[in-house]
PDB file of N, CA and C in Angstrom:
ATOM      1  N   UNK A   1      12.995 165.212 107.678  1.00  0.00           N
ATOM      2  CA  UNK A   1      12.435 165.050 109.011  1.00  0.00           C
ATOM      3  C   UNK A   1      12.549 166.385 109.758  1.00  0.00           C
ATOM      4  N   UNK A   2      11.444 166.925 110.255  1.00  0.00           N
ATOM      5  CA  UNK A   2      11.495 168.224 110.949  1.00  0.00           C
ATOM      6  C   UNK A   2      12.156 168.094 112.314  1.00  0.00           C
ATOM      7  N   UNK A   3      12.756 169.212 112.725  1.00  0.00           N
ATOM      8  CA  UNK A   3      13.407 169.225 114.042  1.00  0.00           C
ATOM      9  C   UNK A   3      12.376 169.268 115.153  1.00  0.00           C
ATOM     10  N   UNK A   4      12.762 168.739 116.292  1.00  0.00           N
ATOM     11  CA  UNK A   4      11.889 168.808 117.461  1.00  0.00           C
ATOM     12  C   UNK A   4      12.023 170.194 118.092  1.00  0.00           C
ATOM     13  N   UNK A   5      10.909 170.743 118.506  1.00  0.00           N
ATOM     14  CA  UNK A   5      10.950 172.023 119.210  1.00  0.00           C
ATOM     15  C   UNK A   5      11.214 171.760 120.687  1.00  0.00           C
ATOM     16  N   UNK A   6      12.090 172.591 121.268  1.00  0.00           N
ATOM     17  CA  UNK A   6      12.394 172.444 122.685  1.00  0.00           C
ATOM     18  C   UNK A   6      11.302 173.114 123.509  1.00  0.00           C
ATOM     19  N   UNK A   7      10.966 172.499 124.609  1.00  0.00           N
ATOM     20  CA  UNK A   7       9.963 173.079 125.503  1.00  0.00           C
ATOM     21  C   UNK A   7      10.616 174.147 126.379  1.00  0.00           C
ATOM     22  N   UNK A   8       9.862 175.145 126.760  1.00  0.00           N
ATOM     23  CA  UNK A   8      10.374 176.177 127.660  1.00  0.00           C
ATOM     24  C   UNK A   8      10.558 177.507 126.962  1.00  0.00           C
ATOM     25  N   UNK A   9      11.190 178.424 127.676  1.00  0.00           N
ATOM     26  CA  UNK A   9      11.378 179.768 127.160  1.00  0.00           C
ATOM     27  C   UNK A   9      12.465 179.817 126.096  1.00  0.00           C
ATOM     28  N   UNK A  10      12.371 180.837 125.269  1.00  0.00           N
ATOM     29  CA  UNK A  10      13.402 181.081 124.263  1.00  0.00           C
ATOM     30  C   UNK A  10      14.529 181.860 124.917  1.00  0.00           C
ATOM     31  N   UNK A  11      15.751 181.507 124.602  1.00  0.00           N
ATOM     32  CA  UNK A  11      16.886 182.258 125.136  1.00  0.00           C
ATOM     33  C   UNK A  11      16.938 183.627 124.473  1.00  0.00           C
ATOM     34  N   UNK A  12      17.251 184.648 125.265  1.00  0.00           N
ATOM     35  CA  UNK A  12      17.363 186.004 124.751  1.00  0.00           C
ATOM     36  C   UNK A  12      18.830 186.360 124.586  1.00  0.00           C
ATOM     37  N   UNK A  13      19.134 187.079 123.521  1.00  0.00           N
ATOM     38  CA  UNK A  13      20.514 187.496 123.302  1.00  0.00           C
ATOM     39  C   UNK A  13      20.804 188.773 124.074  1.00  0.00           C
ATOM     40  N   UNK A  14      21.994 188.830 124.665  1.00  0.00           N
ATOM     41  CA  UNK A  14      22.429 190.001 125.417  1.00  0.00           C
ATOM     42  C   UNK A  14      23.099 190.983 124.472  1.00  0.00           C
ATOM     43  N   UNK A  15      22.751 192.260 124.612  1.00  0.00           N
ATOM     44  CA  UNK A  15      23.412 193.330 123.863  1.00  0.00           C
ATOM     45  C   UNK A  15      24.765 193.569 124.536  1.00  0.00           C
ATOM     46  N   UNK A  16      25.841 193.207 123.840  1.00  0.00           N
ATOM     47  CA  UNK A  16      27.161 193.155 124.467  1.00  0.00           C
ATOM     48  C   UNK A  16      27.668 194.519 124.920  1.00  0.00           C
ATOM     49  N   UNK A  17      27.378 195.576 124.158  1.00  0.00           N
ATOM     50  CA  UNK A  17      27.833 196.915 124.563  1.00  0.00           C
ATOM     51  C   UNK A  17      27.174 197.328 125.872  1.00  0.00           C
ATOM     52  N   UNK A  18      25.911 196.953 126.052  1.00  0.00           N
ATOM     53  CA  UNK A  18      25.208 197.283 127.293  1.00  0.00           C
ATOM     54  C   UNK A  18      25.791 196.512 128.464  1.00  0.00           C
ATOM     55  N   UNK A  19      26.094 195.244 128.252  1.00  0.00           N
ATOM     56  CA  UNK A  19      26.622 194.437 129.354  1.00  0.00           C
ATOM     57  C   UNK A  19      28.012 194.899 129.777  1.00  0.00           C
ATOM     58  N   UNK A  20      28.752 195.539 128.866  1.00  0.00           N
ATOM     59  CA  UNK A  20      30.075 196.042 129.216  1.00  0.00           C
ATOM     60  C   UNK A  20      30.008 197.379 129.934  1.00  0.00           C
ATOM     61  N   UNK A  21      28.936 198.138 129.719  1.00  0.00           N
ATOM     62  CA  UNK A  21      28.825 199.476 130.302  1.00  0.00           C
ATOM     63  C   UNK A  21      28.126 199.499 131.653  1.00  0.00           C
ATOM     64  N   UNK A  22      27.318 198.497 131.942  1.00  0.00           N
ATOM     65  CA  UNK A  22      26.506 198.507 133.155  1.00  0.00           C
ATOM     66  C   UNK A  22      26.808 197.291 134.014  1.00  0.00           C
ATOM     67  N   UNK A  23      26.635 197.456 135.341  1.00  0.00           N
ATOM     68  CA  UNK A  23      26.781 196.361 136.300  1.00  0.00           C
ATOM     69  C   UNK A  23      25.633 196.470 137.296  1.00  0.00           C
ATOM     70  N   UNK A  24      25.310 195.371 137.928  1.00  0.00           N
ATOM     71  CA  UNK A  24      24.332 195.390 139.012  1.00  0.00           C
ATOM     72  C   UNK A  24      25.079 195.152 140.313  1.00  0.00           C
ATOM     73  N   UNK A  25      24.782 195.967 141.322  1.00  0.00           N
ATOM     74  CA  UNK A  25      25.441 195.803 142.617  1.00  0.00           C
ATOM     75  C   UNK A  25      24.819 194.612 143.340  1.00  0.00           C
ATOM     76  N   UNK A  26      25.360 194.288 144.486  1.00  0.00           N
ATOM     77  CA  UNK A  26      24.846 193.161 145.250  1.00  0.00           C
ATOM     78  C   UNK A  26      23.411 193.361 145.699  1.00  0.00           C
ATOM     79  N   UNK A  27      23.025 194.630 145.954  1.00  0.00           N
ATOM     80  CA  UNK A  27      21.653 194.920 146.375  1.00  0.00           C
ATOM     81  C   UNK A  27      20.719 195.093 145.185  1.00  0.00           C
ATOM     82  N   UNK A  28      21.239 194.950 143.940  1.00  0.00           N
ATOM     83  CA  UNK A  28      20.404 195.027 142.758  1.00  0.00           C
ATOM     84  C   UNK A  28      20.315 196.400 142.131  1.00  0.00           C
ATOM     85  N   UNK A  29      21.114 197.368 142.624  1.00  0.00           N
ATOM     86  CA  UNK A  29      21.097 198.712 142.057  1.00  0.00           C
ATOM     87  C   UNK A  29      21.940 198.706 140.788  1.00  0.00           C
ATOM     88  N   UNK A  30      21.447 199.374 139.746  1.00  0.00           N
ATOM     89  CA  UNK A  30      22.153 199.426 138.469  1.00  0.00           C
ATOM     90  C   UNK A  30      23.231 200.502 138.517  1.00  0.00           C
ATOM     91  N   UNK A  31      24.456 200.145 138.135  1.00  0.00           N
ATOM     92  CA  UNK A  31      25.587 201.074 138.125  1.00  0.00           C
ATOM     93  C   UNK A  31      26.095 201.224 136.709  1.00  0.00           C
ATOM     94  N   UNK A  32      26.616 202.409 136.392  1.00  0.00           N
ATOM     95  CA  UNK A  32      27.188 202.641 135.069  1.00  0.00           C
ATOM     96  C   UNK A  32      28.605 203.164 135.213  1.00  0.00           C
ATOM     97  N   UNK A  33      29.413 202.942 134.166  1.00  0.00           N
ATOM     98  CA  UNK A  33      30.760 203.482 134.151  1.00  0.00           C
ATOM     99  C   UNK A  33      30.716 204.911 133.640  1.00  0.00           C
ATOM    100  N   UNK A  34      31.773 205.662 133.888  1.00  0.00           N
ATOM    101  CA  UNK A  34      31.853 207.039 133.427  1.00  0.00           C
ATOM    102  C   UNK A  34      32.546 207.085 132.073  1.00  0.00           C
ATOM    103  N   UNK A  35      32.162 208.058 131.275  1.00  0.00           N
ATOM    104  CA  UNK A  35      32.791 208.246 129.983  1.00  0.00           C
ATOM    105  C   UNK A  35      34.042 209.102 130.098  1.00  0.00           C
ATOM    106  N   UNK A  36      34.778 209.219 129.005  1.00  0.00           N
ATOM    107  CA  UNK A  36      35.953 210.090 128.979  1.00  0.00           C
ATOM    108  C   UNK A  36      37.198 209.465 129.565  1.00  0.00           C
ATOM    109  N   UNK A  37      37.285 208.141 129.577  1.00  0.00           N
ATOM    110  CA  UNK A  37      38.428 207.478 130.199  1.00  0.00           C
ATOM    111  C   UNK A  37      39.485 207.026 129.201  1.00  0.00           C
ATOM    112  N   UNK A  38      39.209 207.117 127.902  1.00  0.00           N
ATOM    113  CA  UNK A  38      40.087 206.430 126.970  1.00  0.00           C
ATOM    114  C   UNK A  38      41.253 207.268 126.449  1.00  0.00           C
ATOM    115  N   UNK A  39      40.994 208.447 125.879  1.00  0.00           N
ATOM    116  CA  UNK A  39      42.092 209.202 125.293  1.00  0.00           C
ATOM    117  C   UNK A  39      41.884 210.699 125.540  1.00  0.00           C
ATOM    118  N   UNK A  40      42.888 211.501 125.143  1.00  0.00           N
ATOM    119  CA  UNK A  40      42.898 212.954 125.367  1.00  0.00           C
ATOM    120  C   UNK A  40      42.847 213.289 126.852  1.00  0.00           C
ATOM    121  N   UNK A  41      43.645 212.599 127.633  1.00  0.00           N
ATOM    122  CA  UNK A  41      43.627 212.800 129.088  1.00  0.00           C
ATOM    123  C   UNK A  41      44.932 213.371 129.613  1.00  0.00           C
ATOM    124  N   UNK A  42      45.830 213.796 128.750  1.00  0.00           N
ATOM    125  CA  UNK A  42      47.137 214.257 129.220  1.00  0.00           C
ATOM    126  C   UNK A  42      47.051 215.492 130.092  1.00  0.00           C
ATOM    127  N   UNK A  43      46.165 216.406 129.724  1.00  0.00           N
ATOM    128  CA  UNK A  43      46.066 217.659 130.474  1.00  0.00           C
ATOM    129  C   UNK A  43      45.116 217.558 131.658  1.00  0.00           C
ATOM    130  N   UNK A  44      44.475 216.427 131.817  1.00  0.00           N
ATOM    131  CA  UNK A  44      43.548 216.239 132.931  1.00  0.00           C
ATOM    132  C   UNK A  44      44.319 215.965 134.209  1.00  0.00           C
ATOM    133  N   UNK A  45      43.866 216.561 135.309  1.00  0.00           N
ATOM    134  CA  UNK A  45      44.572 216.378 136.572  1.00  0.00           C
ATOM    135  C   UNK A  45      44.438 214.934 137.059  1.00  0.00           C
ATOM    136  N   UNK A  46      45.372 214.523 137.902  1.00  0.00           N
ATOM    137  CA  UNK A  46      45.355 213.154 138.419  1.00  0.00           C
ATOM    138  C   UNK A  46      44.106 212.891 139.245  1.00  0.00           C
ATOM    139  N   UNK A  47      43.665 213.910 139.975  1.00  0.00           N
ATOM    140  CA  UNK A  47      42.459 213.761 140.795  1.00  0.00           C
ATOM    141  C   UNK A  47      41.242 213.493 139.912  1.00  0.00           C
ATOM    142  N   UNK A  48      41.118 214.234 138.835  1.00  0.00           N
ATOM    143  CA  UNK A  48      39.985 214.047 137.924  1.00  0.00           C
ATOM    144  C   UNK A  48      40.042 212.671 137.278  1.00  0.00           C
ATOM    145  N   UNK A  49      41.242 212.240 136.879  1.00  0.00           N
ATOM    146  CA  UNK A  49      41.383 210.919 136.268  1.00  0.00           C
ATOM    147  C   UNK A  49      41.035 209.817 137.260  1.00  0.00           C
ATOM    148  N   UNK A  50      41.354 210.031 138.530  1.00  0.00           N
ATOM    149  CA  UNK A  50      41.017 209.039 139.542  1.00  0.00           C
ATOM    150  C   UNK A  50      39.507 208.945 139.733  1.00  0.00           C
ATOM    151  N   UNK A  51      38.803 210.069 139.551  1.00  0.00           N
ATOM    152  CA  UNK A  51      37.344 210.058 139.705  1.00  0.00           C
ATOM    153  C   UNK A  51      36.653 209.279 138.585  1.00  0.00           C
ATOM    154  N   UNK A  52      37.338 209.097 137.441  1.00  0.00           N
ATOM    155  CA  UNK A  52      36.751 208.348 136.337  1.00  0.00           C
ATOM    156  C   UNK A  52      36.574 206.866 136.682  1.00  0.00           C
ATOM    157  N   UNK A  53      37.310 206.359 137.663  1.00  0.00           N
ATOM    158  CA  UNK A  53      37.241 204.927 137.974  1.00  0.00           C
ATOM    159  C   UNK A  53      35.976 204.566 138.746  1.00  0.00           C
ATOM    160  N   UNK A  54      35.335 205.561 139.377  1.00  0.00           N
ATOM    161  CA  UNK A  54      34.138 205.282 140.157  1.00  0.00           C
ATOM    162  C   UNK A  54      32.970 204.911 139.242  1.00  0.00           C
ATOM    163  N   UNK A  55      32.033 204.153 139.790  1.00  0.00           N
ATOM    164  CA  UNK A  55      30.806 203.849 139.057  1.00  0.00           C
ATOM    165  C   UNK A  55      29.674 204.666 139.680  1.00  0.00           C
ATOM    166  N   UNK A  56      28.719 205.060 138.848  1.00  0.00           N
ATOM    167  CA  UNK A  56      27.644 205.949 139.262  1.00  0.00           C
ATOM    168  C   UNK A  56      26.328 205.185 139.237  1.00  0.00           C
ATOM    169  N   UNK A  57      25.458 205.462 140.195  1.00  0.00           N
ATOM    170  CA  UNK A  57      24.148 204.820 140.250  1.00  0.00           C
ATOM    171  C   UNK A  57      23.268 205.393 139.140  1.00  0.00           C
ATOM    172  N   UNK A  58      22.582 204.512 138.413  1.00  0.00           N
ATOM    173  CA  UNK A  58      21.653 204.931 137.370  1.00  0.00           C
ATOM    174  C   UNK A  58      20.318 205.233 138.034  1.00  0.00           C
ATOM    175  N   UNK A  59      19.774 206.439 137.777  1.00  0.00           N
ATOM    176  CA  UNK A  59      18.552 206.847 138.472  1.00  0.00           C
ATOM    177  C   UNK A  59      17.322 206.887 137.574  1.00  0.00           C
ATOM    178  N   UNK A  60      17.490 207.041 136.262  1.00  0.00           N
ATOM    179  CA  UNK A  60      16.332 207.151 135.379  1.00  0.00           C
ATOM    180  C   UNK A  60      15.592 205.834 135.236  1.00  0.00           C
ATOM    181  N   UNK A  61      14.279 205.865 135.453  1.00  0.00           N
ATOM    182  CA  UNK A  61      13.483 204.638 135.409  1.00  0.00           C
ATOM    183  C   UNK A  61      13.446 204.034 134.004  1.00  0.00           C
ATOM    184  N   UNK A  62      13.323 204.883 132.982  1.00  0.00           N
ATOM    185  CA  UNK A  62      13.282 204.391 131.605  1.00  0.00           C
ATOM    186  C   UNK A  62      14.625 203.816 131.175  1.00  0.00           C
ATOM    187  N   UNK A  63      15.724 204.413 131.634  1.00  0.00           N
ATOM    188  CA  UNK A  63      17.043 203.875 131.301  1.00  0.00           C
ATOM    189  C   UNK A  63      17.206 202.486 131.906  1.00  0.00           C
ATOM    190  N   UNK A  64      16.740 202.325 133.133  1.00  0.00           N
ATOM    191  CA  UNK A  64      16.822 201.023 133.796  1.00  0.00           C
ATOM    192  C   UNK A  64      15.997 199.985 133.029  1.00  0.00           C
ATOM    193  N   UNK A  65      14.810 200.388 132.555  1.00  0.00           N
ATOM    194  CA  UNK A  65      13.975 199.469 131.772  1.00  0.00           C
ATOM    195  C   UNK A  65      14.662 199.074 130.466  1.00  0.00           C
ATOM    196  N   UNK A  66      15.293 200.051 129.806  1.00  0.00           N
ATOM    197  CA  UNK A  66      15.982 199.760 128.547  1.00  0.00           C
ATOM    198  C   UNK A  66      17.164 198.824 128.767  1.00  0.00           C
ATOM    199  N   UNK A  67      17.919 199.041 129.842  1.00  0.00           N
ATOM    200  CA  UNK A  67      19.068 198.173 130.135  1.00  0.00           C
ATOM    201  C   UNK A  67      18.585 196.761 130.436  1.00  0.00           C
ATOM    202  N   UNK A  68      17.482 196.636 131.172  1.00  0.00           N
ATOM    203  CA  UNK A  68      16.952 195.305 131.480  1.00  0.00           C
ATOM    204  C   UNK A  68      16.478 194.587 130.225  1.00  0.00           C
ATOM    205  N   UNK A  69      15.979 195.349 129.250  1.00  0.00           N
ATOM    206  CA  UNK A  69      15.554 194.739 127.993  1.00  0.00           C
ATOM    207  C   UNK A  69      16.750 194.295 127.163  1.00  0.00           C
ATOM    208  N   UNK A  70      17.806 195.122 127.146  1.00  0.00           N
ATOM    209  CA  UNK A  70      18.973 194.822 126.323  1.00  0.00           C
ATOM    210  C   UNK A  70      19.881 193.765 126.951  1.00  0.00           C
ATOM    211  N   UNK A  71      19.965 193.752 128.278  1.00  0.00           N
ATOM    212  CA  UNK A  71      20.808 192.780 128.982  1.00  0.00           C
ATOM    213  C   UNK A  71      19.956 192.054 130.017  1.00  0.00           C
ATOM    214  N   UNK A  72      19.145 191.097 129.590  1.00  0.00           N
ATOM    215  CA  UNK A  72      18.175 190.485 130.503  1.00  0.00           C
ATOM    216  C   UNK A  72      18.807 189.618 131.589  1.00  0.00           C
ATOM    217  N   UNK A  73      20.058 189.225 131.418  1.00  0.00           N
ATOM    218  CA  UNK A  73      20.661 188.326 132.396  1.00  0.00           C
ATOM    219  C   UNK A  73      21.573 189.035 133.376  1.00  0.00           C
ATOM    220  N   UNK A  74      21.588 190.376 133.371  1.00  0.00           N
ATOM    221  CA  UNK A  74      22.218 191.100 134.474  1.00  0.00           C
ATOM    222  C   UNK A  74      21.401 190.765 135.725  1.00  0.00           C
ATOM    223  N   UNK A  75      22.008 190.963 136.887  1.00  0.00           N
ATOM    224  CA  UNK A  75      21.279 190.670 138.099  1.00  0.00           C
ATOM    225  C   UNK A  75      19.987 191.484 138.130  1.00  0.00           C
ATOM    226  N   UNK A  76      18.895 190.861 138.512  1.00  0.00           N
ATOM    227  CA  UNK A  76      17.591 191.495 138.444  1.00  0.00           C
ATOM    228  C   UNK A  76      17.484 192.670 139.418  1.00  0.00           C
ATOM    229  N   UNK A  77      16.700 193.671 139.025  1.00  0.00           N
ATOM    230  CA  UNK A  77      16.498 194.849 139.858  1.00  0.00           C
ATOM    231  C   UNK A  77      15.643 194.485 141.061  1.00  0.00           C
ATOM    232  N   UNK A  78      15.979 195.090 142.220  1.00  0.00           N
ATOM    233  CA  UNK A  78      15.280 194.792 143.458  1.00  0.00           C
ATOM    234  C   UNK A  78      13.947 195.377 143.500  1.00  0.00           C
TER     235      UNK A  78
END
């Protein structure tokens, strides 16, 4: 007996690495984390290490399109 097909859209899978690297702000702006936070930081000044915690606004239009394709359930762009 064949399975019944469900009506409606197909669920899309989220690319997990993308969802961990990017966030959407409350106004819908895409934010990214900074690299260089994991290891080899002993000689880095405390001020520089503190700057790694900030998130940066993503400005490239194509990057935003790629992130929306890979993580479709992030908050939608405004």
